[in-house]
Every structure is written in C-alpha cells, then in structure tokens.
Amino acid sequence: MVQLSKTLSDLASDNKKALVAYIVAGDPTPGTTVPLMHTLVDAGVDVIELGMPFSDPEAEGPVIQLAHERALAHHVSLRDSLAMASEFRQTNQTTPIVLMGYLNPIEFIGYEQFAKEAEAAGINGTIIVNLPPEESGEMDPILEAHGIEPVYLLAPTTTDERAEIVCRASRGFVYYVSLKGTTGASTLDIDDVAEKMSRFRKISTLPIMVGFGVKDGASARAVADVADGAVVGSAIVKLMEQYRDDPDMLQSSVKQFVRELRAAID
C-alpha cells in the first residue's frame, strides 16, 4: 500500500478523521515553504496539499490567486515545488504530499518525466484540477507506476453516474468540493454536505475529504462529523498573506490555527 492510502487507512483504523492542509509552494517566499510544511505536521496536519504556482488558477478565489501571484513573483516553478517536497522529505518520510494544481506545467515537462521527478521528490498523490478523469487515461497509469495516487473531484452538481467515474478513477481519497464556485467562497451548508456524503458513500469505496468553505474549528468539526476528513486552504493562506513580512508570526499563527482545527476535529 502506498503512503497516501496507508496514512488514511491507519487513521480510519484509529477512528480518527483526517486534517488536510493546502499551501502554495513559494508563498509568500520560497524559503517559507519547507519550514511551514513541518509546522503544519507538528500542529496536527495528516496530509499536505502542495499547490503548484500557476498563472491562471481558474478554480481559486482571490485569496489563493494572490498566493499564486506571490510565488510566481519569486519565479517558483513546478520543479521548484518538487525541490521543496524533496527537502521536506529529508526529515519527514511519512506525511503524504499531494501535489495540487493544473495540468499545463506537467504537460510541458511530459507525463513520464514528471512522474519520475515527482516520485524522486517524495510526492504521493496529485489533484489536477483541469484534468477530468474521462481524459486521464494516458496519465494515470504512469502516475500509478511511480507510486503516485491520482485524486479526482466531486461537486454538488455531480450526478451518481459521473460520481462512479470519478470514484473509480481516484486513488487514496476522493475530494468533495462542497461549494459551487471558487475556493474561499460562500458559507458551508453542512446539511447539504451530509446529504451528499450519504449519496457518494454508496458509490465510493475510498475516504471522502471535504474542502472549500472549511474556515475554522466549528466548520472543520461539522465536516469531520459527516465525512472522512476536512481540507483547509484559504483560511491558512489568509494568515500567510497577513503575516507575509513577519516569518516568525506567520509560523506561530498558522501553528495556533491548525492546532485549533485539530482539536475541533478530534
């Protein structure tokens, strides 16, 4: 069993819910990322989603779009993101890293070369927002041959028929996008999330993580009550923007916030 699946299986065996945190590689500066990854784990994060900086992150709201812009201002590339993951792996070989972003820079490198470099860097999974499972037939076998699990997205508008396609293609977990819109948008409707989890659990044999709209301990706990874990992105990235000129305060504020999320979920 590869690391992402193993971690989530171990959590389920311990009757624990997963806390997944998203940051953009290189935000607010390249030197911030690896220490922040360790801070996230120390504070209780189970899986790290590492965002690949991209100039047109169409699924992202303003908060995360600005994070991509800050990283790109430092010319952080896909290969730089992999280098950061590799540096993190020097002292942490177990926390899963899921590379999240867009297909464009991967296509520039080429699927096989990307998979080789990602495996060498210690990447355990991918969430490629603009690659639907119906079009992933060339890439997925290459990823899996290198021990990398592709994760695909469910949405509030996903039909049962398409959910079967998404869940069949996914490995590790399935990511349920709880809102119609971009990251950081709107307010979480936990009753609707619970209804969707009831539907999709009949289709998916994998854990289902819920993201978009998880902003604090209360919403994280509400999600964890009905799903297998919560994904938090914009709320963390807001702190990174707020304290981008104060590295110590950035680390401490993120640690405190994530500890609150962990305590609420547990």
C-alpha atoms as a PDB file:
ATOM      1  CA  MET A   1       0.000   0.000   0.000  1.00  0.00           C
ATOM      2  CA  VAL A   2       1.406   3.393  -0.970  1.00  0.00           C
ATOM      3  CA  GLN A   3       1.815   6.143   1.613  1.00  0.00           C
ATOM      4  CA  LEU A   4      -1.305   8.199   0.970  1.00  0.00           C
ATOM      5  CA  SER A   5      -3.638   5.212   1.168  1.00  0.00           C
ATOM      6  CA  LYS A   6      -1.717   3.810   4.138  1.00  0.00           C
ATOM      7  CA  THR A   7      -1.980   7.032   6.133  1.00  0.00           C
ATOM      8  CA  LEU A   8      -5.716   7.313   5.564  1.00  0.00           C
ATOM      9  CA  SER A   9      -6.239   3.625   6.310  1.00  0.00           C
ATOM     10  CA  ASP A  10      -4.306   3.975   9.560  1.00  0.00           C
ATOM     11  CA  LEU A  11      -6.409   6.972  10.563  1.00  0.00           C
ATOM     12  CA  ALA A  12      -9.610   5.061   9.879  1.00  0.00           C
ATOM     13  CA  SER A  13      -8.323   2.113  11.925  1.00  0.00           C
ATOM     14  CA  ASP A  14      -7.713   4.525  14.807  1.00  0.00           C
ATOM     15  CA  ASN A  15     -11.200   6.015  14.332  1.00  0.00           C
ATOM     16  CA  LYS A  16      -9.686   9.410  13.502  1.00  0.00           C
ATOM     17  CA  LYS A  17     -10.635  11.906  10.837  1.00  0.00           C
ATOM     18  CA  ALA A  18      -8.037  13.419   8.501  1.00  0.00           C
ATOM     19  CA  LEU A  19      -6.929  17.035   8.520  1.00  0.00           C
ATOM     20  CA  VAL A  20      -5.632  18.087   5.101  1.00  0.00           C
ATOM     21  CA  ALA A  21      -3.924  21.468   4.634  1.00  0.00           C
ATOM     22  CA  TYR A  22      -3.253  23.341   1.402  1.00  0.00           C
ATOM     23  CA  ILE A  23      -0.476  25.864   0.804  1.00  0.00           C
ATOM     24  CA  VAL A  24       1.106  27.201  -2.372  1.00  0.00           C
ATOM     25  CA  ALA A  25       4.772  26.340  -2.876  1.00  0.00           C
ATOM     26  CA  GLY A  26       6.847  29.501  -2.630  1.00  0.00           C
ATOM     27  CA  ASP A  27       4.208  31.625  -0.877  1.00  0.00           C
ATOM     28  CA  PRO A  28       4.996  34.153   0.453  1.00  0.00           C
ATOM     29  CA  THR A  29       8.667  33.380  -0.255  1.00  0.00           C
ATOM     30  CA  PRO A  30      10.471  30.214  -1.371  1.00  0.00           C
ATOM     31  CA  GLY A  31      12.247  29.926   1.970  1.00  0.00           C
ATOM     32  CA  THR A  32       8.950  29.847   3.851  1.00  0.00           C
ATOM     33  CA  THR A  33       7.510  26.669   2.381  1.00  0.00           C
ATOM     34  CA  VAL A  34       9.512  23.795   3.866  1.00  0.00           C
ATOM     35  CA  PRO A  35       9.549  25.159   7.437  1.00  0.00           C
ATOM     36  CA  LEU A  36       5.809  25.777   7.106  1.00  0.00           C
ATOM     37  CA  MET A  37       5.216  22.210   5.937  1.00  0.00           C
ATOM     38  CA  HIS A  38       6.926  20.968   9.096  1.00  0.00           C
ATOM     39  CA  THR A  39       4.879  23.412  11.180  1.00  0.00           C
ATOM     40  CA  LEU A  40       1.659  22.062   9.675  1.00  0.00           C
ATOM     41  CA  VAL A  41       2.615  18.498  10.569  1.00  0.00           C
ATOM     42  CA  ASP A  42       3.714  19.466  14.089  1.00  0.00           C
ATOM     43  CA  ALA A  43       0.345  21.152  14.618  1.00  0.00           C
ATOM     44  CA  GLY A  44      -1.628  18.073  13.567  1.00  0.00           C
ATOM     45  CA  VAL A  45      -1.997  18.000   9.780  1.00  0.00           C
ATOM     46  CA  ASP A  46      -2.192  14.488   8.313  1.00  0.00           C
ATOM     47  CA  VAL A  47      -1.848  15.264   4.583  1.00  0.00           C
ATOM     48  CA  ILE A  48      -0.263  18.272   2.867  1.00  0.00           C
ATOM     49  CA  GLU A  49      -1.623  19.574  -0.412  1.00  0.00           C
ATOM     50  CA  LEU A  50       1.217  21.479  -2.040  1.00  0.00           C
ATOM     51  CA  GLY A  51      -0.011  23.904  -4.659  1.00  0.00           C
ATOM     52  CA  MET A  52       1.987  24.285  -7.869  1.00  0.00           C
ATOM     53  CA  PRO A  53       2.155  28.011  -8.720  1.00  0.00           C
ATOM     54  CA  PHE A  54       0.308  28.776 -11.934  1.00  0.00           C
ATOM     55  CA  SER A  55      -0.605  31.979 -13.730  1.00  0.00           C
ATOM     56  CA  ASP A  56      -4.269  31.087 -14.334  1.00  0.00           C
ATOM     57  CA  PRO A  57      -5.596  29.065 -11.367  1.00  0.00           C
ATOM     58  CA  GLU A  58      -9.198  29.170 -12.500  1.00  0.00           C
ATOM     59  CA  ALA A  59     -10.687  27.199  -9.585  1.00  0.00           C
ATOM     60  CA  GLU A  60      -9.216  29.534  -6.979  1.00  0.00           C
ATOM     61  CA  GLY A  61     -10.758  32.524  -5.281  1.00  0.00           C
ATOM     62  CA  PRO A  62      -8.933  35.827  -4.702  1.00  0.00           C
ATOM     63  CA  VAL A  63      -7.031  34.669  -1.600  1.00  0.00           C
ATOM     64  CA  ILE A  64      -5.333  31.730  -3.263  1.00  0.00           C
ATOM     65  CA  GLN A  65      -4.947  33.521  -6.600  1.00  0.00           C
ATOM     66  CA  LEU A  66      -2.844  36.107  -4.762  1.00  0.00           C
ATOM     67  CA  ALA A  67      -0.787  33.314  -3.202  1.00  0.00           C
ATOM     68  CA  HIS A  68       0.000  32.009  -6.683  1.00  0.00           C
ATOM     69  CA  GLU A  69       0.983  35.535  -7.720  1.00  0.00           C
ATOM     70  CA  ARG A  70       3.296  35.919  -4.722  1.00  0.00           C
ATOM     71  CA  ALA A  71       5.002  32.622  -5.537  1.00  0.00           C
ATOM     72  CA  LEU A  72       5.311  33.475  -9.231  1.00  0.00           C
ATOM     73  CA  ALA A  73       6.856  36.830  -8.320  1.00  0.00           C
ATOM     74  CA  HIS A  74       9.736  34.719  -6.979  1.00  0.00           C
ATOM     75  CA  HIS A  75       9.707  32.644 -10.199  1.00  0.00           C
ATOM     76  CA  VAL A  76       8.720  29.458  -8.351  1.00  0.00           C
ATOM     77  CA  SER A  77       8.127  26.684 -10.883  1.00  0.00           C
ATOM     78  CA  LEU A  78       6.825  23.124 -10.819  1.00  0.00           C
ATOM     79  CA  ARG A  79      10.383  21.846 -10.455  1.00  0.00           C
ATOM     80  CA  ASP A  80      10.979  24.283  -7.593  1.00  0.00           C
ATOM     81  CA  SER A  81       7.865  22.862  -5.928  1.00  0.00           C
ATOM     82  CA  LEU A  82       9.279  19.357  -6.297  1.00  0.00           C
ATOM     83  CA  ALA A  83      12.592  20.535  -4.836  1.00  0.00           C
ATOM     84  CA  MET A  84      10.732  21.836  -1.776  1.00  0.00           C
ATOM     85  CA  ALA A  85       8.985  18.491  -1.356  1.00  0.00           C
ATOM     86  CA  SER A  86      12.337  16.745  -1.641  1.00  0.00           C
ATOM     87  CA  GLU A  87      13.824  18.977   1.050  1.00  0.00           C
ATOM     88  CA  PHE A  88      10.857  18.243   3.334  1.00  0.00           C
ATOM     89  CA  ARG A  89      11.440  14.525   2.777  1.00  0.00           C
ATOM     90  CA  GLN A  90      14.948  14.765   4.199  1.00  0.00           C
ATOM     91  CA  THR A  91      13.439  14.758   7.684  1.00  0.00           C
ATOM     92  CA  ASN A  92       9.860  13.556   7.133  1.00  0.00           C
ATOM     93  CA  GLN A  93       9.350  10.417   5.083  1.00  0.00           C
ATOM     94  CA  THR A  94       5.791   9.609   6.176  1.00  0.00           C
ATOM     95  CA  THR A  95       3.429  12.591   5.843  1.00  0.00           C
ATOM     96  CA  PRO A  96       1.737  12.320   2.444  1.00  0.00           C
ATOM     97  CA  ILE A  97       2.270  15.165  -0.005  1.00  0.00           C
ATOM     98  CA  VAL A  98      -0.391  15.619  -2.660  1.00  0.00           C
ATOM     99  CA  LEU A  99       0.664  17.957  -5.458  1.00  0.00           C
ATOM    100  CA  MET A 100      -2.303  20.140  -6.400  1.00  0.00           C
ATOM    101  CA  GLY A 101      -2.696  22.392  -9.384  1.00  0.00           C
ATOM    102  CA  TYR A 102      -3.134  22.460 -13.118  1.00  0.00           C
ATOM    103  CA  LEU A 103      -2.078  20.205 -15.952  1.00  0.00           C
ATOM    104  CA  ASN A 104      -0.298  22.839 -18.051  1.00  0.00           C
ATOM    105  CA  PRO A 105       3.184  22.759 -16.438  1.00  0.00           C
ATOM    106  CA  ILE A 106       3.042  18.961 -16.229  1.00  0.00           C
ATOM    107  CA  GLU A 107       2.356  18.709 -19.952  1.00  0.00           C
ATOM    108  CA  PHE A 108       5.318  20.984 -20.597  1.00  0.00           C
ATOM    109  CA  ILE A 109       7.603  18.548 -18.762  1.00  0.00           C
ATOM    110  CA  GLY A 110       5.872  15.427 -20.070  1.00  0.00           C
ATOM    111  CA  TYR A 111       3.922  12.837 -18.099  1.00  0.00           C
ATOM    112  CA  GLU A 112       6.681  10.238 -17.747  1.00  0.00           C
ATOM    113  CA  GLN A 113       9.365  12.744 -16.783  1.00  0.00           C
ATOM    114  CA  PHE A 114       7.026  14.458 -14.338  1.00  0.00           C
ATOM    115  CA  ALA A 115       6.142  11.146 -12.686  1.00  0.00           C
ATOM    116  CA  LYS A 116       9.818  10.211 -12.336  1.00  0.00           C
ATOM    117  CA  GLU A 117      10.723  13.544 -10.794  1.00  0.00           C
ATOM    118  CA  ALA A 118       7.669  13.583  -8.544  1.00  0.00           C
ATOM    119  CA  GLU A 119       8.405  10.088  -7.261  1.00  0.00           C
ATOM    120  CA  ALA A 120      12.024  11.051  -6.584  1.00  0.00           C
ATOM    121  CA  ALA A 121      10.802  14.117  -4.663  1.00  0.00           C
ATOM    122  CA  GLY A 122       8.509  12.049  -2.459  1.00  0.00           C
ATOM    123  CA  ILE A 123       5.157  13.074  -3.946  1.00  0.00           C
ATOM    124  CA  ASN A 124       2.377  10.636  -3.017  1.00  0.00           C
ATOM    125  CA  GLY A 125      -0.622  11.958  -4.929  1.00  0.00           C
ATOM    126  CA  THR A 126      -1.926  14.526  -7.379  1.00  0.00           C
ATOM    127  CA  ILE A 127      -5.030  16.671  -7.696  1.00  0.00           C
ATOM    128  CA  ILE A 128      -5.016  18.105 -11.210  1.00  0.00           C
ATOM    129  CA  VAL A 129      -7.965  20.467 -11.260  1.00  0.00           C
ATOM    130  CA  ASN A 130      -8.305  20.816 -15.027  1.00  0.00           C
ATOM    131  CA  LEU A 131      -7.797  17.119 -15.821  1.00  0.00           C
ATOM    132  CA  PRO A 132     -11.141  15.283 -15.592  1.00  0.00           C
ATOM    133  CA  PRO A 133     -10.990  11.515 -15.092  1.00  0.00           C
ATOM    134  CA  GLU A 134     -12.534  10.965 -18.514  1.00  0.00           C
ATOM    135  CA  GLU A 135      -9.339  12.397 -20.046  1.00  0.00           C
ATOM    136  CA  SER A 136      -6.805  10.887 -17.651  1.00  0.00           C
ATOM    137  CA  GLY A 137      -6.308   7.543 -19.344  1.00  0.00           C
ATOM    138  CA  GLU A 138      -2.798   8.371 -20.541  1.00  0.00           C
ATOM    139  CA  MET A 139      -1.508   9.972 -17.358  1.00  0.00           C
ATOM    140  CA  ASP A 140      -2.971   7.844 -14.552  1.00  0.00           C
ATOM    141  CA  PRO A 141      -1.161   4.573 -15.361  1.00  0.00           C
ATOM    142  CA  ILE A 142       2.123   6.468 -15.489  1.00  0.00           C
ATOM    143  CA  LEU A 143       1.492   8.057 -12.098  1.00  0.00           C
ATOM    144  CA  GLU A 144       0.486   4.780 -10.500  1.00  0.00           C
ATOM    145  CA  ALA A 145       3.548   3.041 -11.923  1.00  0.00           C
ATOM    146  CA  HIS A 146       5.593   5.533  -9.902  1.00  0.00           C
ATOM    147  CA  GLY A 147       3.600   5.075  -6.697  1.00  0.00           C
ATOM    148  CA  ILE A 148       1.612   8.303  -7.103  1.00  0.00           C
ATOM    149  CA  GLU A 149      -2.143   8.229  -6.494  1.00  0.00           C
ATOM    150  CA  PRO A 150      -4.369  10.497  -8.597  1.00  0.00           C
ATOM    151  CA  VAL A 151      -7.253  12.124  -6.734  1.00  0.00           C
ATOM    152  CA  TYR A 152     -10.327  13.447  -8.517  1.00  0.00           C
ATOM    153  CA  LEU A 153     -13.080  15.885  -7.610  1.00  0.00           C
ATOM    154  CA  LEU A 154     -16.765  15.551  -6.829  1.00  0.00           C
ATOM    155  CA  ALA A 155     -19.020  18.613  -6.811  1.00  0.00           C
ATOM    156  CA  PRO A 156     -22.513  19.441  -5.515  1.00  0.00           C
ATOM    157  CA  THR A 157     -23.792  19.089  -9.085  1.00  0.00           C
ATOM    158  CA  THR A 158     -22.141  15.705  -9.756  1.00  0.00           C
ATOM    159  CA  THR A 159     -24.632  13.044 -10.806  1.00  0.00           C
ATOM    160  CA  ASP A 160     -24.450   9.498  -9.486  1.00  0.00           C
ATOM    161  CA  GLU A 161     -23.395   8.314 -12.937  1.00  0.00           C
ATOM    162  CA  ARG A 162     -20.432  10.675 -13.076  1.00  0.00           C
ATOM    163  CA  ALA A 163     -19.597  10.073  -9.422  1.00  0.00           C
ATOM    164  CA  GLU A 164     -18.999   6.446 -10.345  1.00  0.00           C
ATOM    165  CA  ILE A 165     -16.450   7.563 -12.961  1.00  0.00           C
ATOM    166  CA  VAL A 166     -14.729   9.931 -10.505  1.00  0.00           C
ATOM    167  CA  CYS A 167     -14.581   7.398  -7.702  1.00  0.00           C
ATOM    168  CA  ARG A 168     -13.386   4.601  -9.984  1.00  0.00           C
ATOM    169  CA  ALA A 169     -10.515   6.758 -11.247  1.00  0.00           C
ATOM    170  CA  SER A 170      -9.467   8.112  -7.844  1.00  0.00           C
ATOM    171  CA  ARG A 171      -6.866   6.593  -5.586  1.00  0.00           C
ATOM    172  CA  GLY A 172      -6.126   7.436  -1.953  1.00  0.00           C
ATOM    173  CA  PHE A 173      -9.225   9.550  -1.443  1.00  0.00           C
ATOM    174  CA  VAL A 174     -11.937  11.438  -3.291  1.00  0.00           C
ATOM    175  CA  TYR A 175     -12.132  15.221  -2.894  1.00  0.00           C
ATOM    176  CA  TYR A 176     -15.630  16.646  -2.496  1.00  0.00           C
ATOM    177  CA  VAL A 177     -15.813  20.337  -3.431  1.00  0.00           C
ATOM    178  CA  SER A 178     -18.629  21.451  -1.151  1.00  0.00           C
ATOM    179  CA  LEU A 179     -19.498  24.736  -2.859  1.00  0.00           C
ATOM    180  CA  LYS A 180     -20.469  25.909  -6.310  1.00  0.00           C
ATOM    181  CA  GLY A 181     -17.742  28.415  -7.021  1.00  0.00           C
ATOM    182  CA  THR A 182     -14.094  29.061  -6.281  1.00  0.00           C
ATOM    183  CA  THR A 183     -12.021  28.404  -3.185  1.00  0.00           C
ATOM    184  CA  GLY A 184     -12.825  30.585  -0.199  1.00  0.00           C
ATOM    185  CA  ALA A 185     -16.304  31.352  -1.480  1.00  0.00           C
ATOM    186  CA  SER A 186     -19.634  31.373   0.332  1.00  0.00           C
ATOM    187  CA  THR A 187     -20.636  29.618   3.550  1.00  0.00           C
ATOM    188  CA  LEU A 188     -20.638  25.896   4.163  1.00  0.00           C
ATOM    189  CA  ASP A 189     -24.088  24.244   4.187  1.00  0.00           C
ATOM    190  CA  ILE A 190     -23.388  21.253   6.398  1.00  0.00           C
ATOM    191  CA  ASP A 191     -26.835  19.719   5.875  1.00  0.00           C
ATOM    192  CA  ASP A 192     -26.217  19.670   2.139  1.00  0.00           C
ATOM    193  CA  VAL A 193     -22.741  18.201   2.688  1.00  0.00           C
ATOM    194  CA  ALA A 194     -24.233  15.456   4.868  1.00  0.00           C
ATOM    195  CA  GLU A 195     -26.780  14.623   2.167  1.00  0.00           C
ATOM    196  CA  LYS A 196     -24.073  14.439  -0.491  1.00  0.00           C
ATOM    197  CA  MET A 197     -21.865  12.262   1.720  1.00  0.00           C
ATOM    198  CA  SER A 198     -24.760   9.855   2.173  1.00  0.00           C
ATOM    199  CA  ARG A 199     -25.123   9.638  -1.606  1.00  0.00           C
ATOM    200  CA  PHE A 200     -21.468   9.384  -2.504  1.00  0.00           C
ATOM    201  CA  ARG A 201     -20.565   6.872   0.219  1.00  0.00           C
ATOM    202  CA  LYS A 202     -22.816   4.409  -1.581  1.00  0.00           C
ATOM    203  CA  ILE A 203     -20.592   4.847  -4.645  1.00  0.00           C
ATOM    204  CA  SER A 204     -17.077   5.364  -3.278  1.00  0.00           C
ATOM    205  CA  THR A 205     -15.012   2.726  -1.508  1.00  0.00           C
ATOM    206  CA  LEU A 206     -12.401   5.413  -0.755  1.00  0.00           C
ATOM    207  CA  PRO A 207     -12.346   8.020   2.019  1.00  0.00           C
ATOM    208  CA  ILE A 208     -14.052  11.274   1.043  1.00  0.00           C
ATOM    209  CA  MET A 209     -12.451  14.579   2.062  1.00  0.00           C
ATOM    210  CA  VAL A 210     -14.448  17.788   2.027  1.00  0.00           C
ATOM    211  CA  GLY A 211     -12.916  21.121   1.057  1.00  0.00           C
ATOM    212  CA  PHE A 212     -13.994  24.652   0.071  1.00  0.00           C
ATOM    213  CA  GLY A 213     -15.728  26.501   2.905  1.00  0.00           C
ATOM    214  CA  VAL A 214     -13.863  24.979   5.867  1.00  0.00           C
ATOM    215  CA  LYS A 215     -12.707  28.124   7.641  1.00  0.00           C
ATOM    216  CA  ASP A 216     -12.483  27.456  11.387  1.00  0.00           C
ATOM    217  CA  GLY A 217     -12.747  24.829  14.082  1.00  0.00           C
ATOM    218  CA  ALA A 218     -16.532  24.741  14.028  1.00  0.00           C
ATOM    219  CA  SER A 219     -16.789  24.117  10.285  1.00  0.00           C
ATOM    220  CA  ALA A 220     -13.930  21.608  10.401  1.00  0.00           C
ATOM    221  CA  ARG A 221     -15.690  19.676  13.170  1.00  0.00           C
ATOM    222  CA  ALA A 222     -19.011  19.779  11.336  1.00  0.00           C
ATOM    223  CA  VAL A 223     -17.360  18.378   8.200  1.00  0.00           C
ATOM    224  CA  ALA A 224     -15.486  15.703  10.140  1.00  0.00           C
ATOM    225  CA  ASP A 225     -18.761  14.543  11.655  1.00  0.00           C
ATOM    226  CA  VAL A 226     -20.142  13.611   8.229  1.00  0.00           C
ATOM    227  CA  ALA A 227     -17.024  12.979   6.085  1.00  0.00           C
ATOM    228  CA  ASP A 228     -13.661  11.255   6.442  1.00  0.00           C
ATOM    229  CA  GLY A 229     -11.719  14.471   6.750  1.00  0.00           C
ATOM    230  CA  ALA A 230     -11.577  18.214   6.163  1.00  0.00           C
ATOM    231  CA  VAL A 231      -9.437  20.185   3.720  1.00  0.00           C
ATOM    232  CA  VAL A 232      -8.425  23.699   4.765  1.00  0.00           C
ATOM    233  CA  GLY A 233      -6.785  26.076   2.310  1.00  0.00           C
ATOM    234  CA  SER A 234      -7.916  29.690   2.056  1.00  0.00           C
ATOM    235  CA  ALA A 235      -8.069  30.203   5.826  1.00  0.00           C
ATOM    236  CA  ILE A 236      -4.409  29.197   6.149  1.00  0.00           C
ATOM    237  CA  VAL A 237      -3.356  31.185   3.100  1.00  0.00           C
ATOM    238  CA  LYS A 238      -5.051  34.292   4.550  1.00  0.00           C
ATOM    239  CA  LEU A 239      -2.706  34.059   7.526  1.00  0.00           C
ATOM    240  CA  MET A 240       0.238  33.705   5.175  1.00  0.00           C
ATOM    241  CA  GLU A 241      -0.822  36.879   3.407  1.00  0.00           C
ATOM    242  CA  GLN A 242      -1.418  38.723   6.671  1.00  0.00           C
ATOM    243  CA  TYR A 243       1.995  37.868   8.099  1.00  0.00           C
ATOM    244  CA  ARG A 244       3.989  37.616   4.884  1.00  0.00           C
ATOM    245  CA  ASP A 245       6.518  40.171   6.134  1.00  0.00           C
ATOM    246  CA  ASP A 246       6.926  38.533   9.562  1.00  0.00           C
ATOM    247  CA  PRO A 247       8.118  34.913   9.193  1.00  0.00           C
ATOM    248  CA  ASP A 248       8.021  34.157  12.925  1.00  0.00           C
ATOM    249  CA  MET A 249       4.470  35.432  13.333  1.00  0.00           C
ATOM    250  CA  LEU A 250       3.438  33.564  10.189  1.00  0.00           C
ATOM    251  CA  GLN A 251       4.694  30.265  11.592  1.00  0.00           C
ATOM    252  CA  SER A 252       3.191  30.797  15.035  1.00  0.00           C
ATOM    253  CA  SER A 253      -0.204  31.966  13.769  1.00  0.00           C
ATOM    254  CA  VAL A 254      -0.521  29.043  11.370  1.00  0.00           C
ATOM    255  CA  LYS A 255       0.511  26.612  14.115  1.00  0.00           C
ATOM    256  CA  GLN A 256      -2.075  28.008  16.527  1.00  0.00           C
ATOM    257  CA  PHE A 257      -4.831  27.958  13.913  1.00  0.00           C
ATOM    258  CA  VAL A 258      -4.090  24.391  12.809  1.00  0.00           C
ATOM    259  CA  ARG A 259      -3.964  23.198  16.422  1.00  0.00           C
ATOM    260  CA  GLU A 260      -7.443  24.655  16.881  1.00  0.00           C
ATOM    261  CA  LEU A 261      -8.646  22.778  13.808  1.00  0.00           C
ATOM    262  CA  ARG A 262      -7.061  19.542  15.032  1.00  0.00           C
ATOM    263  CA  ALA A 263      -8.608  19.864  18.467  1.00  0.00           C
ATOM    264  CA  ALA A 264     -12.037  20.587  16.989  1.00  0.00           C
ATOM    265  CA  ILE A 265     -11.882  17.609  14.630  1.00  0.00           C
ATOM    266  CA  ASP A 266     -10.738  15.274  17.388  1.00  0.00           C
END
